[in-house]
Amino acid sequence: MVTMKLGSKPEIFVLEDLTWRCTTELESDVVVEVGEMSFYLHKFPLLSRSGVLQRMISEYQPPAVGGGGMCTLQLDDIPGGAKAFELAAKFCYDVKIELNALNVVCLRCAAEYLRMTDDYAEGNLITQAESFLADVLANWKDSIKALETCEGVLPTAEDLHLVSRCITALASKACASDAAAPLLRNASVDKDALWNGIRSGDTASAASAAGMDWWYEDVSFLSLPMFKRVIQAMEAKGMRAESIAGAIMFYAGRFLPGLKRNTSFSNALASYGADGGGGGMSSRNITPRAASVSAPSEGDQRYFLEEIVALLPTKRGVASTKFLLGMLRTAMLLHASPLCRENLERRIGTQLEDASLDDLLVPNLGYHVETLYDIDCVQRILDYFMSSTDGIGTGYTSPALAEDGGGSLGVPQGGTPSTSLSPITMVAKLMDGYLAEVAPDTNLKLPKFQALAAVVPDYARPVDDGIYRAIDIYLKSHPWLSESEREQLCRLMNCQKLSLEACTHAAQNERLPLRVVVQVLFFEQLRLRTSIAGWFFVSDNAAGGDVARPHHGGAMVPKGAAAAVAASTQAEVDTDAEDDAPEGKETIADVKARVSELEKEYKTMKQEIRRLGKPRRSWSLLTRKCGFGAKVQQGQPALPSSK
């Protein structure tokens, strides 16, 4: 901390029971009262430095009763109070004082109030304070302390532009550092590209290493109005939105302990009060350095949260989804305004693919609680995600693009799985997990479950195992559903996209409608037939040398719909050719046996349906509706006979 020493004489003031007395040989002839404190001083030192005291002494009229007496002056409204006047009085007596960042603002305001200008004495207090203030504003830490002290003398500090000067100094220093941070970060990455052979992807650590967040903690001690002005000044000077959001998230974490998922509001308030923070929140000048330790009220917390949400940059992704969901839970807990909650829901919706399942489980805190979790809130967030069409960031891939390149399914053209999934696929997986979590709630109505599940399009799910698991849990928790309701619920999944494990489970699942079980068995049989046909086709080409398309290993890969299957099995065929032949024959024999068993189960199912009185026409309509027509693609087997 920078300091400045003024005066040359030793201490001559003594404090006795709220009274400052001058220990010189001359008897005091003036008393200055500041609040409860009284200063017994001499007129001449004061007259020679202060225009206000000079005028007050010259205009003083002794009381009519009693007559005479010592001149008494009242200075109750002096900025900085008794402490500031004490320093000003010592300056008038040329007693040694030390200026620092904690007292220069108050002393500057008091000097202005007392009109201690150079008109009365050369190098008066205003000049000295201004000179030192320039040194204070050149240093970050001192500028922060000076800005904090402005809180106590705000009217005068604003008039003297001390607040704006402190804020401008802070914003300039932070923005200069922020502009250099990317260069420092790149240099740090180039220098330490690997740590134990692993490249770190932690953006928070990278930010810290590059010095991007060094000022977050310092500004978090400011009151909310001051913090807002500092952030707005930084935005005006071109600071990156990522740094602005980082500072706001750090600041919110100090005053909203309830952002942590496992912290209740009452516990958060208790811990907040115990830490000595939030005492100034009652007046909405919220700062952890307030003297009071009383916990903030719910209304003050609500006001604080709404201000923080409005202050967040609008750029997508600068605030983490985890933080936004924590803010949304707290907003519901505090009954924040609908506009505030809608703002948070829209922000979350634009980056929903980054959310985690645990954070998405928002408890239902409404006045009419029906379900354990707030399903309507997640429904709105999902709708915002689906309606956002800003291309790469969010939005979703069209079905045509999904068919051409598999973009939304995470499988690009050629059949090779992509290491990074598209946003819509990530959200589909997230929502399947969410549905599985909320499905056991017996109060969750079927239409609400269906509405939430139906928002995600079918092409967004590479595999339907997740939605099948959610449906199965819902059926288990709602055994009273009718057969038609069960069938309606099962329409949410595509039996063709179930994995082999899911098909095996579904075929033995007594909770599923009979029609769905038959579909699962049929598609499992069709999948095995297709695989075997492709297997034999590749084997025949490898042995006979039919001309199709050259492929490594001497095999000829067929064109058309079976190309992908043939390519995937070519490596296995080549391996079997190098090994002994009997093992390959045994494998094919096992598959044939499995197909035979499935055909028997398929015929048994059809017979049971006929016994139940289902007309053959309804079965034909079902098979055509589900895509089980007699026409099949080239290279696929025909449907098994019902005879």
Foldseek 3Di string as FASTA:
>chain_A
DDKDKWFDDADQWDDDPLEIEGNDPDFFQEWEDAPSHIYRHHLVLLCLFFPQSVVCVVPFDDDPPPDDDGHYHYDHPQQPIPVLVVVLVCNSVRYMDMDALQCLLSVLSNCVVRVRDCVRPNPTSNNVSVVVVVVQLQDQLSLLNNLQNCVRVVVSCVVVCVNVSSLLSNLVVLQVLQVCLVVQLVVVCVVPVDDVRDGDPDVVVSCVSSVNCVCLVSLLQFFPVSSLSSLVSNVVVPHDLLSSQVSLLSSCVLQCVQLDPPADPVNRQVVQLVQQFQPCLVVSRGGSPDRHSHGDDLVSNLVSLLSSLVSRDPDAPSHQLSSLLSSLLSCLVSVHDPVSNVSSLLNCLLQVLRDALVSQQRADSDPDDQFGGDLVSVLSSVVSQQPDPPDQRGHADDPVCCVQAVQLVQAGPPRDGHPDHGSLLSVLLSLLVNLLVRLLTLSDDLVSSVSSLVSRPQSNHQAQLSNVNSLLSNCVNCVVDDLVSLVVSVVSHQLLRHDPVSLVVLCPDPSHHLLVNLVSLQSVLQVLQLLVLLLVVQVCCQVVVDDAPDDPPSTHAHDDDSRVSNVVCVVVSSVCVVPDVVVVVVVVVVSVVVSVVSVVVSLVSVVVCVVVVDDPVVVVVSCVVSPLDQDDDPSTDGGDDND
